[in-house]
Amino acid sequence: MCHRAAPVRLLYIAPEVAPFAKTGGLADVLGALPRQMHRLGHDVRVFLPAYAQIDRRKYRLRPVPGLGPVRIQLGSRRFTVGIASALQPGTDLEVFFVYSPELFSRASIYTADADEHLRFLVLSYAALEACRQLRFSPDVVHCHDWQTALVPLALKASYARDPVLSRARSLLTIHNLQYQGVIPAHLLPETGLGRVPHLFHQDYLKQGHLSFLLHGVLYADGITTVSPSYSREIQSPEHGAGLDPFLRTRSSTIVGILNGVDYDEWSPEHDPFIPHAYGHTNLAGKERNKAVLLEKLGLPYQRGTPVLGSVSRMVGQKGLDLLASVLGRLLRRHAFQFVALGSGEHHLEEMYSALQRTFPRQVCFYRGYSNELAHLIEAGADMFVMPSRYEPCGLNQLYSLRYGTVPIVHKTGGLADTVQLFDPKTGRGTGFPFEQHDAQGLTWGIETALALYRDAATWRKIMLNGMAQNFSWAVQAEKYERLYDRLLRM
């Protein structure tokens, strides 16, 4: 891409940003994409809530010179918030934190509280108002998921004549369409847009509800999803979660851009969490990491026995009930071991606890989360299984490719875009995507991988194919640059 003569001014607003606050892949995107754009010379600002869980001393949060309290009126509710800033670790990129103990000092980042919509409306308006105070005039306001999806409408309705914000283009990234931010219609005044009710979708209001994400789809200047396949899938009734008709009307503006991987963090050559470094020219460390992984989890190590790994939130989307339903039969039929890390829905946790009790020498389920163990599973497992029902992008399959851990995935969304079926005849391909999301499909994927594992030369070829892939943010950020440029030429 030919860079613009002047840097693009970019405002990112998001509910979570790594490493400060994280529940999933959204935080990783916001931890990496703004940093990469900053490295490329663009003028970047990032805003997120100052959650109580953020270690303010560790990250050295400090007041922002020239920025006083921000006052926000949402219907009859008034909020006065403070804003602090800190540098993203290892960079000189300034990140801004919106302080409101009333809204953000809670036990978790997301809640089921009645004022959940207010929490993220305050974030959104605080970011816009802070830009006005700081005289930072963004070229593009990049919003993420339902929590900030009313920003495009607010820009058009409330800031159209504002000297700082009037020329900003809006971009909405949909990380997961299933979460839409639906509130009762009578709360419309609390959106801060009560004076323009005619701009909201009237049929939805008559039905008694208001969807944040729907209005982001309707009013954003551009829309992205986190993989090309997902951008197509959500325009179908099967995966559109009720918004597919609206997405189809915006089809020409929807772009799928895969999430990238931070190879500074996820690299077997330099990973501080694994005891034995390795790379494509020397794979010996991988087998040694397997031995360490199994010892750590209390499983016996036997050279030549493959290990399947899983690191996942334990929710219905991830297809872990399907995986549990086939593992028992496969563990009896084949000599392999299975290690899983995750937590979530109780009945899914119990399924994996039961597997561990039934197969104590073959299965270990670590309930909870450990970043160190997540890295060690990627480095020590031979295969990584992701049977997601749908997957907007997915990151673990990208980590797995880098670590020579062969992915077995359902062919959907970002998994379909990033894992190519290995063909023994041509030697091309990186893993085993299965078409049908059922026991037969998943069993085929696992058994095909187990069979090829016995051929050392073929397995090495699959590993090296995956390790040669490049899903770095340096590559993906260029696609965002082109998109930002296109938005500014609209």
Protein backbone atom coordinates (compact mmCIF):
# COMPACT_ATOMS: atom_id res chain seq x y z
CA MET A 1 0.00 0.00 0.00
CA CYS A 2 1.11 3.56 -0.68
CA HIS A 3 0.81 5.32 2.66
CA ARG A 4 -1.13 8.55 2.90
CA ALA A 5 0.99 11.70 2.86
CA ALA A 6 -0.04 12.41 6.45
CA PRO A 7 -0.67 9.79 9.14
CA VAL A 8 -4.26 8.73 9.62
CA ARG A 9 -5.75 9.72 12.99
CA LEU A 10 -7.38 6.64 14.53
CA LEU A 11 -9.65 6.38 17.55
CA TYR A 12 -10.29 2.88 18.90
CA ILE A 13 -13.07 2.34 21.45
CA ALA A 14 -13.45 -1.13 22.94
CA PRO A 15 -14.63 -2.90 26.08
CA GLU A 16 -11.35 -4.77 26.56
CA VAL A 17 -7.72 -4.33 25.55
CA ALA A 18 -4.83 -6.67 26.30
CA PRO A 19 -2.93 -6.77 28.55
CA PHE A 20 -5.02 -4.44 30.72
CA ALA A 21 -8.39 -6.22 30.57
CA LYS A 22 -9.10 -9.48 28.77
CA THR A 23 -11.78 -12.14 28.52
CA GLY A 24 -11.11 -13.36 24.97
CA GLY A 25 -9.82 -12.68 21.50
CA LEU A 26 -11.30 -9.17 21.30
CA ALA A 27 -8.74 -7.99 23.84
CA ASP A 28 -5.91 -9.53 21.82
CA VAL A 29 -7.04 -7.68 18.70
CA LEU A 30 -7.17 -4.35 20.54
CA GLY A 31 -3.83 -5.05 22.15
CA ALA A 32 -2.19 -5.67 18.79
CA LEU A 33 -3.90 -3.75 15.97
CA PRO A 34 -3.58 -0.21 17.43
CA ARG A 35 0.02 -0.95 18.38
CA GLN A 36 0.81 -2.07 14.84
CA MET A 37 -0.89 1.01 13.35
CA HIS A 38 1.12 3.17 15.75
CA ARG A 39 4.31 1.46 14.59
CA LEU A 40 3.34 2.27 11.00
CA GLY A 41 3.28 5.97 11.87
CA HIS A 42 -0.44 6.60 12.36
CA ASP A 43 -1.76 8.82 15.15
CA VAL A 44 -3.59 6.44 17.49
CA ARG A 45 -5.78 6.77 20.60
CA VAL A 46 -7.30 3.79 22.43
CA PHE A 47 -10.09 4.00 25.03
CA LEU A 48 -11.37 1.32 27.42
CA PRO A 49 -13.03 1.28 30.87
CA ALA A 50 -10.89 1.57 34.00
CA TYR A 51 -12.10 -1.70 35.46
CA ALA A 52 -11.37 -2.40 39.11
CA GLN A 53 -9.35 -5.45 38.03
CA ILE A 54 -6.74 -3.32 36.24
CA ASP A 55 -3.54 -2.97 38.25
CA ARG A 56 -3.09 0.80 38.25
CA ARG A 57 0.32 0.74 39.91
CA LYS A 58 1.71 -1.93 37.62
CA TYR A 59 0.70 0.00 34.51
CA ARG A 60 1.41 3.42 36.03
CA LEU A 61 -1.88 5.08 35.20
CA ARG A 62 -1.64 8.85 35.43
CA PRO A 63 -3.81 11.94 34.84
CA VAL A 64 -3.99 13.32 31.31
CA PRO A 65 -2.69 16.91 31.00
CA GLY A 66 -5.35 19.25 29.66
CA LEU A 67 -8.18 16.80 30.20
CA GLY A 68 -10.67 17.54 32.96
CA PRO A 69 -13.71 15.59 34.14
CA VAL A 70 -16.10 14.51 31.39
CA ARG A 71 -19.83 15.00 32.01
CA ILE A 72 -22.32 12.79 30.22
CA GLN A 73 -26.12 13.02 30.20
CA LEU A 74 -28.02 9.86 29.29
CA GLY A 75 -31.74 10.48 29.66
CA SER A 76 -32.29 11.34 33.30
CA ARG A 77 -28.94 9.84 34.30
CA ARG A 78 -25.89 12.04 34.76
CA PHE A 79 -22.34 10.75 34.95
CA THR A 80 -19.09 12.54 35.67
CA VAL A 81 -16.07 10.46 34.76
CA GLY A 82 -12.34 10.90 34.98
CA ILE A 83 -9.82 9.75 32.40
CA ALA A 84 -6.29 8.53 33.00
CA SER A 85 -3.70 7.15 30.63
CA ALA A 86 -0.82 4.71 30.51
CA LEU A 87 1.61 3.47 27.93
CA GLN A 88 0.97 0.07 26.47
CA PRO A 89 3.80 -2.11 27.83
CA GLY A 90 6.83 -2.14 25.59
CA THR A 91 5.58 0.78 23.46
CA ASP A 92 5.03 4.53 23.57
CA LEU A 93 1.38 4.12 22.56
CA GLU A 94 -0.90 5.99 24.95
CA VAL A 95 -4.01 4.13 26.14
CA PHE A 96 -6.85 5.97 27.90
CA PHE A 97 -8.95 4.62 30.77
CA VAL A 98 -12.45 5.89 31.62
CA TYR A 99 -12.97 6.07 35.39
CA SER A 100 -16.41 5.55 36.89
CA PRO A 101 -16.41 3.45 40.07
CA GLU A 102 -20.20 3.33 39.92
CA LEU A 103 -20.03 1.54 36.57
CA PHE A 104 -16.71 -0.26 36.35
CA SER A 105 -15.82 -1.36 39.90
CA ARG A 106 -17.54 -4.73 39.66
CA ALA A 107 -16.51 -8.33 40.08
CA SER A 108 -16.24 -9.00 36.35
CA ILE A 109 -15.69 -7.09 33.13
CA TYR A 110 -19.11 -8.01 31.78
CA THR A 111 -22.25 -8.34 33.89
CA ALA A 112 -25.92 -9.18 33.58
CA ASP A 113 -26.81 -6.01 35.50
CA ALA A 114 -29.70 -3.84 34.39
CA ASP A 115 -27.35 -0.95 33.60
CA GLU A 116 -24.96 -2.91 31.37
CA HIS A 117 -25.91 -0.70 28.42
CA LEU A 118 -25.11 2.44 30.41
CA ARG A 119 -21.64 1.19 31.26
CA PHE A 120 -20.58 1.05 27.63
CA LEU A 121 -22.52 4.10 26.52
CA VAL A 122 -20.51 6.06 29.10
CA LEU A 123 -17.32 4.56 27.67
CA SER A 124 -18.37 5.55 24.15
CA TYR A 125 -19.39 9.11 24.92
CA ALA A 126 -16.42 9.64 27.24
CA ALA A 127 -14.05 8.74 24.41
CA LEU A 128 -15.76 11.15 22.02
CA GLU A 129 -15.93 13.97 24.56
CA ALA A 130 -12.30 13.46 25.55
CA CYS A 131 -11.33 13.85 21.90
CA ARG A 132 -13.19 17.14 21.83
CA GLN A 133 -11.36 18.39 24.93
CA LEU A 134 -7.99 17.26 23.60
CA ARG A 135 -8.74 18.63 20.11
CA PHE A 136 -7.93 15.23 18.65
CA SER A 137 -9.90 15.00 15.42
CA PRO A 138 -9.99 11.33 14.33
CA ASP A 139 -10.21 10.42 10.68
CA VAL A 140 -11.66 7.02 11.59
CA VAL A 141 -13.46 5.94 14.76
CA HIS A 142 -13.06 2.17 14.98
CA CYS A 143 -15.74 0.57 17.17
CA HIS A 144 -15.90 -3.02 18.38
CA ASP A 145 -18.93 -5.24 19.02
CA TRP A 146 -22.29 -4.20 20.46
CA GLN A 147 -20.78 -2.29 23.36
CA THR A 148 -19.70 0.60 21.11
CA ALA A 149 -22.04 0.00 18.18
CA LEU A 150 -24.14 3.15 18.78
CA VAL A 151 -21.12 5.38 18.15
CA PRO A 152 -21.71 5.55 14.34
CA LEU A 153 -25.27 6.80 14.91
CA ALA A 154 -24.11 9.23 17.60
CA LEU A 155 -21.51 10.68 15.23
CA LYS A 156 -24.17 11.29 12.59
CA ALA A 157 -26.88 12.55 14.94
CA SER A 158 -25.03 14.45 17.67
CA TYR A 159 -21.62 15.40 16.25
CA ALA A 160 -22.41 16.14 12.60
CA ARG A 161 -21.51 19.82 13.06
CA ASP A 162 -18.86 19.40 15.72
CA PRO A 163 -15.55 20.99 14.62
CA VAL A 164 -13.53 18.08 16.05
CA LEU A 165 -15.64 15.05 15.18
CA SER A 166 -17.79 16.00 12.20
CA ARG A 167 -15.47 14.56 9.56
CA ALA A 168 -14.81 11.25 11.29
CA ARG A 169 -15.70 8.07 9.45
CA SER A 170 -16.94 5.14 11.50
CA LEU A 171 -15.91 1.50 11.24
CA LEU A 172 -17.63 -1.29 13.17
CA THR A 173 -15.93 -4.63 13.70
CA ILE A 174 -18.20 -7.54 14.55
CA HIS A 175 -16.27 -10.05 16.62
CA ASN A 176 -19.31 -12.17 17.52
CA LEU A 177 -22.75 -11.50 16.05
CA GLN A 178 -24.55 -13.50 18.72
CA TYR A 179 -24.08 -10.71 21.27
CA GLN A 180 -26.19 -7.76 20.11
CA GLY A 181 -26.80 -5.50 23.11
CA VAL A 182 -30.60 -5.62 23.14
CA ILE A 183 -32.41 -3.41 25.66
CA PRO A 184 -36.09 -2.54 26.23
CA ALA A 185 -37.36 0.14 23.85
CA HIS A 186 -38.45 2.43 26.69
CA LEU A 187 -34.77 2.93 27.55
CA LEU A 188 -34.12 4.73 24.27
CA PRO A 189 -33.61 8.11 26.03
CA GLU A 190 -30.73 6.53 27.97
CA THR A 191 -28.81 6.08 24.72
CA GLY A 192 -28.22 9.84 24.65
CA LEU A 193 -30.15 9.93 21.37
CA GLY A 194 -33.65 10.52 22.71
CA ARG A 195 -34.10 13.61 20.57
CA VAL A 196 -33.80 11.56 17.36
CA PRO A 197 -36.03 8.52 17.95
CA HIS A 198 -36.95 8.51 14.26
CA LEU A 199 -33.41 7.37 13.44
CA PHE A 200 -33.93 4.07 15.26
CA HIS A 201 -35.45 1.05 13.56
CA GLN A 202 -39.16 1.64 14.12
CA ASP A 203 -40.35 -1.96 13.72
CA TYR A 204 -37.96 -3.11 16.44
CA LEU A 205 -39.10 -0.31 18.73
CA LYS A 206 -42.73 -1.30 18.18
CA GLN A 207 -41.79 -4.84 19.16
CA GLY A 208 -40.44 -3.41 22.42
CA HIS A 209 -36.70 -3.62 22.02
CA LEU A 210 -33.66 -1.77 20.74
CA SER A 211 -30.52 -3.47 19.44
CA PHE A 212 -27.18 -1.67 19.68
CA LEU A 213 -25.54 -3.94 17.09
CA LEU A 214 -28.36 -3.54 14.58
CA HIS A 215 -27.89 0.22 14.59
CA GLY A 216 -24.15 -0.18 14.19
CA VAL A 217 -24.86 -2.27 11.10
CA LEU A 218 -27.29 0.36 9.81
CA TYR A 219 -25.16 3.46 10.39
CA ALA A 220 -21.46 2.55 10.33
CA ASP A 221 -19.60 3.81 7.27
CA GLY A 222 -17.80 0.48 7.09
CA ILE A 223 -18.24 -2.96 8.65
CA THR A 224 -15.66 -5.65 9.19
CA THR A 225 -15.71 -9.14 10.59
CA VAL A 226 -12.73 -11.07 11.89
CA SER A 227 -12.49 -13.49 8.97
CA PRO A 228 -13.63 -13.57 5.33
CA SER A 229 -15.74 -16.70 5.77
CA TYR A 230 -17.52 -15.25 8.80
CA SER A 231 -18.39 -12.12 6.79
CA ARG A 232 -20.24 -14.36 4.35
CA GLU A 233 -21.76 -16.69 6.94
CA ILE A 234 -23.45 -13.94 8.93
CA GLN A 235 -25.35 -12.84 5.83
CA SER A 236 -27.18 -16.18 5.82
CA PRO A 237 -30.26 -17.05 7.91
CA GLU A 238 -28.37 -19.94 9.49
CA HIS A 239 -25.66 -17.75 11.03
CA GLY A 240 -27.16 -14.25 10.83
CA ALA A 241 -28.78 -14.29 14.29
CA GLY A 242 -31.72 -12.31 12.95
CA LEU A 243 -29.57 -9.55 11.45
CA ASP A 244 -28.83 -11.25 8.15
CA PRO A 245 -31.37 -9.17 6.12
CA PHE A 246 -29.72 -5.96 7.31
CA LEU A 247 -26.24 -7.32 6.72
CA ARG A 248 -27.16 -8.34 3.19
CA THR A 249 -28.24 -4.76 2.45
CA ARG A 250 -24.76 -3.64 3.56
CA SER A 251 -22.99 -6.48 1.76
CA SER A 252 -20.86 -4.20 -0.41
CA THR A 253 -19.41 -2.51 2.69
CA ILE A 254 -18.67 -5.67 4.71
CA VAL A 255 -15.05 -6.80 4.67
CA GLY A 256 -13.63 -9.87 6.37
CA ILE A 257 -10.12 -9.40 7.76
CA LEU A 258 -8.54 -12.20 9.76
CA ASN A 259 -7.22 -11.43 13.19
CA GLY A 260 -3.47 -11.52 13.39
CA VAL A 261 -1.11 -13.20 15.82
CA ASP A 262 1.42 -11.43 17.97
CA TYR A 263 4.48 -13.49 17.15
CA ASP A 264 6.43 -11.63 19.81
CA GLU A 265 4.28 -13.55 22.30
CA TRP A 266 3.44 -16.70 20.36
CA SER A 267 6.68 -18.07 18.94
CA PRO A 268 8.27 -21.43 19.88
CA GLU A 269 11.70 -19.94 19.22
CA HIS A 270 11.36 -17.29 21.95
CA ASP A 271 8.43 -18.32 24.19
CA PRO A 272 9.40 -17.69 27.85
CA PHE A 273 6.63 -20.03 29.07
CA ILE A 274 8.05 -23.19 27.49
CA PRO A 275 11.18 -24.92 28.77
CA HIS A 276 12.58 -25.99 25.38
CA ALA A 277 12.76 -23.62 22.43
CA TYR A 278 12.44 -25.03 18.94
CA GLY A 279 11.77 -23.97 15.36
CA HIS A 280 11.28 -25.28 11.86
CA THR A 281 14.99 -26.12 11.50
CA ASN A 282 15.14 -28.02 14.80
CA LEU A 283 11.96 -29.68 16.08
CA ALA A 284 13.59 -31.68 18.89
CA GLY A 285 12.40 -29.26 21.56
CA LYS A 286 8.78 -30.02 20.78
CA GLU A 287 9.01 -33.62 21.96
CA ARG A 288 10.81 -32.51 25.10
CA ASN A 289 8.02 -30.00 25.77
CA LYS A 290 5.52 -32.84 25.44
CA ALA A 291 7.31 -34.75 28.20
CA VAL A 292 7.26 -31.68 30.45
CA LEU A 293 3.57 -31.05 29.73
CA LEU A 294 2.55 -34.60 30.61
CA GLU A 295 4.68 -34.65 33.75
CA LYS A 296 3.16 -31.33 34.86
CA LEU A 297 -0.34 -32.74 34.39
CA GLY A 298 0.38 -36.11 36.00
CA LEU A 299 0.14 -38.20 32.84
CA PRO A 300 2.71 -40.82 31.78
CA TYR A 301 4.97 -39.94 28.86
CA GLN A 302 5.65 -42.56 26.21
CA ARG A 303 7.48 -41.60 23.06
CA GLY A 304 5.36 -42.19 19.99
CA THR A 305 2.02 -41.67 21.75
CA PRO A 306 0.29 -38.61 20.28
CA VAL A 307 -1.21 -35.91 22.49
CA LEU A 308 -4.32 -33.93 21.54
CA GLY A 309 -4.77 -30.54 23.20
CA SER A 310 -7.61 -28.10 23.79
CA VAL A 311 -7.61 -24.60 25.29
CA SER A 312 -11.06 -23.08 25.25
CA ARG A 313 -13.85 -21.27 26.99
CA MET A 314 -16.27 -24.03 27.88
CA VAL A 315 -19.42 -22.73 26.20
CA GLY A 316 -21.84 -24.23 23.71
CA GLN A 317 -20.36 -22.36 20.74
CA LYS A 318 -17.08 -24.24 21.06
CA GLY A 319 -18.56 -27.67 20.33
CA LEU A 320 -16.99 -29.23 23.40
CA ASP A 321 -20.08 -31.35 24.05
CA LEU A 322 -19.55 -32.95 20.64
CA LEU A 323 -15.88 -33.56 21.44
CA ALA A 324 -16.69 -35.16 24.79
CA SER A 325 -19.25 -37.43 23.13
CA VAL A 326 -16.68 -39.00 20.79
CA LEU A 327 -13.56 -39.01 22.97
CA GLY A 328 -14.55 -41.98 25.14
CA ARG A 329 -14.93 -44.32 22.18
CA LEU A 330 -11.77 -43.01 20.50
CA LEU A 331 -9.67 -43.31 23.66
CA ARG A 332 -10.64 -46.97 23.92
CA ARG A 333 -9.92 -47.58 20.24
CA HIS A 334 -6.61 -45.70 19.83
CA ALA A 335 -3.48 -45.08 21.87
CA PHE A 336 -3.41 -41.31 22.46
CA GLN A 337 -3.69 -38.81 25.29
CA PHE A 338 -5.85 -35.72 25.66
CA VAL A 339 -5.23 -32.57 27.71
CA ALA A 340 -7.74 -29.73 28.12
CA LEU A 341 -7.57 -26.32 29.74
CA GLY A 342 -10.65 -24.20 30.30
CA SER A 343 -13.67 -23.27 32.35
CA GLY A 344 -17.22 -22.17 31.76
CA GLU A 345 -20.56 -23.96 31.72
CA HIS A 346 -20.83 -26.41 34.59
CA HIS A 347 -22.21 -29.33 32.59
CA LEU A 348 -19.30 -29.10 30.12
CA GLU A 349 -16.75 -28.99 32.93
CA GLU A 350 -18.37 -32.10 34.39
CA MET A 351 -18.13 -33.95 31.07
CA TYR A 352 -14.36 -33.48 31.02
CA SER A 353 -13.96 -34.25 34.69
CA ALA A 354 -15.79 -37.53 34.04
CA LEU A 355 -13.47 -38.34 31.14
CA GLN A 356 -10.48 -37.76 33.39
CA ARG A 357 -11.91 -40.11 36.03
CA THR A 358 -12.61 -42.79 33.42
CA PHE A 359 -9.23 -42.48 31.65
CA PRO A 360 -6.80 -41.32 34.38
CA ARG A 361 -3.68 -42.25 32.37
CA GLN A 362 -4.93 -40.72 29.12
CA VAL A 363 -6.89 -37.59 30.05
CA CYS A 364 -6.19 -34.50 32.14
CA PHE A 365 -8.68 -31.66 32.45
CA TYR A 366 -7.31 -28.50 34.08
CA ARG A 367 -10.31 -26.48 35.22
CA GLY A 368 -9.59 -22.74 35.07
CA TYR A 369 -7.01 -20.78 33.09
CA SER A 370 -3.24 -20.54 33.13
CA ASN A 371 -1.38 -18.56 30.49
CA GLU A 372 1.75 -20.62 31.12
CA LEU A 373 -0.15 -23.88 30.65
CA ALA A 374 -1.87 -22.53 27.51
CA HIS A 375 1.55 -21.93 25.96
CA LEU A 376 2.85 -25.31 27.11
CA ILE A 377 -0.13 -27.13 25.58
CA GLU A 378 0.50 -25.41 22.25
CA ALA A 379 4.17 -26.38 22.44
CA GLY A 380 3.75 -29.91 23.81
CA ALA A 381 0.65 -31.26 22.07
CA ASP A 382 0.90 -32.92 18.67
CA MET A 383 -2.61 -31.92 17.59
CA PHE A 384 -5.04 -29.21 18.64
CA VAL A 385 -8.77 -29.83 18.36
CA MET A 386 -11.31 -27.02 17.80
CA PRO A 387 -14.79 -28.40 17.00
CA SER A 388 -16.55 -25.01 17.20
CA ARG A 389 -20.13 -24.81 15.95
CA TYR A 390 -19.20 -21.40 14.57
CA GLU A 391 -15.99 -19.43 14.96
CA PRO A 392 -15.75 -15.81 13.80
CA CYS A 393 -11.97 -16.07 13.65
CA GLY A 394 -10.32 -18.22 16.28
CA LEU A 395 -6.78 -17.68 17.51
CA ASN A 396 -5.67 -21.00 18.95
CA GLN A 397 -5.52 -22.64 15.53
CA LEU A 398 -3.17 -19.83 14.48
CA TYR A 399 -0.99 -20.38 17.55
CA SER A 400 -1.05 -24.12 16.82
CA LEU A 401 0.16 -23.66 13.25
CA ARG A 402 3.08 -21.58 14.49
CA TYR A 403 3.99 -24.25 17.07
CA GLY A 404 3.78 -27.18 14.66
CA THR A 405 0.71 -28.46 16.49
CA VAL A 406 -1.59 -29.76 13.78
CA PRO A 407 -5.15 -28.36 13.98
CA ILE A 408 -8.27 -30.51 13.76
CA VAL A 409 -11.11 -28.03 13.23
CA HIS A 410 -14.69 -27.68 12.10
CA LYS A 411 -14.68 -26.02 8.68
CA THR A 412 -16.40 -22.77 9.64
CA GLY A 413 -15.57 -19.07 9.87
CA GLY A 414 -11.95 -18.27 10.53
CA LEU A 415 -11.12 -21.94 10.99
CA ALA A 416 -12.07 -22.58 7.36
CA ASP A 417 -9.94 -19.61 6.25
CA THR A 418 -6.79 -20.62 8.09
CA VAL A 419 -6.54 -24.44 8.13
CA GLN A 420 -6.16 -26.19 4.77
CA LEU A 421 -6.84 -29.92 4.43
CA PHE A 422 -3.62 -31.89 4.11
CA ASP A 423 -3.37 -33.86 0.87
CA PRO A 424 -0.91 -36.77 1.07
CA LYS A 425 -0.61 -36.84 -2.72
CA THR A 426 0.63 -33.27 -3.09
CA GLY A 427 2.11 -32.77 0.39
CA ARG A 428 0.14 -29.54 0.72
CA GLY A 429 -2.11 -28.53 3.58
CA THR A 430 -1.80 -27.72 7.25
CA GLY A 431 -4.43 -29.70 9.15
CA PHE A 432 -7.74 -31.51 9.16
CA PRO A 433 -10.91 -29.42 8.77
CA PHE A 434 -14.08 -31.54 8.87
CA GLU A 435 -17.22 -30.47 7.00
CA GLN A 436 -20.16 -31.74 9.06
CA HIS A 437 -20.49 -30.70 12.69
CA ASP A 438 -21.40 -34.12 14.01
CA ALA A 439 -19.80 -37.18 15.60
CA GLN A 440 -18.95 -38.70 12.23
CA GLY A 441 -17.21 -35.56 10.99
CA LEU A 442 -15.16 -35.00 14.14
CA THR A 443 -14.26 -38.69 14.40
CA TRP A 444 -13.01 -38.58 10.81
CA GLY A 445 -10.81 -35.58 11.59
CA ILE A 446 -9.23 -37.13 14.68
CA GLU A 447 -8.76 -40.61 13.21
CA THR A 448 -7.27 -39.25 9.99
CA ALA A 449 -4.75 -37.25 11.99
CA LEU A 450 -3.91 -40.21 14.24
CA ALA A 451 -3.31 -42.42 11.20
CA LEU A 452 -0.95 -39.95 9.52
CA TYR A 453 0.90 -39.33 12.81
CA ARG A 454 2.32 -42.85 12.49
CA ASP A 455 4.16 -41.77 9.32
CA ALA A 456 6.95 -39.62 10.75
CA ALA A 457 8.03 -38.06 7.44
CA THR A 458 4.47 -37.12 6.47
CA TRP A 459 3.73 -35.73 9.91
CA ARG A 460 6.87 -33.61 9.83
CA LYS A 461 5.74 -32.23 6.47
CA ILE A 462 2.33 -31.22 7.89
CA MET A 463 4.01 -29.54 10.87
CA LEU A 464 6.42 -27.58 8.69
CA ASN A 465 3.63 -26.51 6.34
CA GLY A 466 1.81 -24.98 9.30
CA MET A 467 4.90 -23.34 10.76
CA ALA A 468 5.56 -21.64 7.41
CA GLN A 469 2.23 -19.78 7.50
CA ASN A 470 2.29 -16.06 8.30
CA PHE A 471 -0.69 -14.62 10.15
CA SER A 472 1.23 -11.79 11.81
CA TRP A 473 -0.36 -8.45 12.59
CA ALA A 474 2.18 -6.86 10.27
CA VAL A 475 0.34 -8.59 7.40
CA GLN A 476 -3.21 -8.05 8.67
CA ALA A 477 -2.64 -4.38 9.61
CA GLU A 478 -1.90 -3.55 5.98
CA LYS A 479 -5.42 -4.69 5.11
CA TYR A 480 -6.84 -2.34 7.74
CA GLU A 481 -4.70 0.46 6.34
CA ARG A 482 -6.23 -0.06 2.93
CA LEU A 483 -9.71 -0.14 4.43
CA TYR A 484 -9.16 3.06 6.42
CA ASP A 485 -7.88 4.73 3.28
CA ARG A 486 -10.94 3.59 1.34
CA LEU A 487 -13.27 4.93 4.04
CA LEU A 488 -11.60 8.34 3.86
CA ARG A 489 -12.07 8.46 0.10
CA MET A 490 -15.83 7.77 0.34
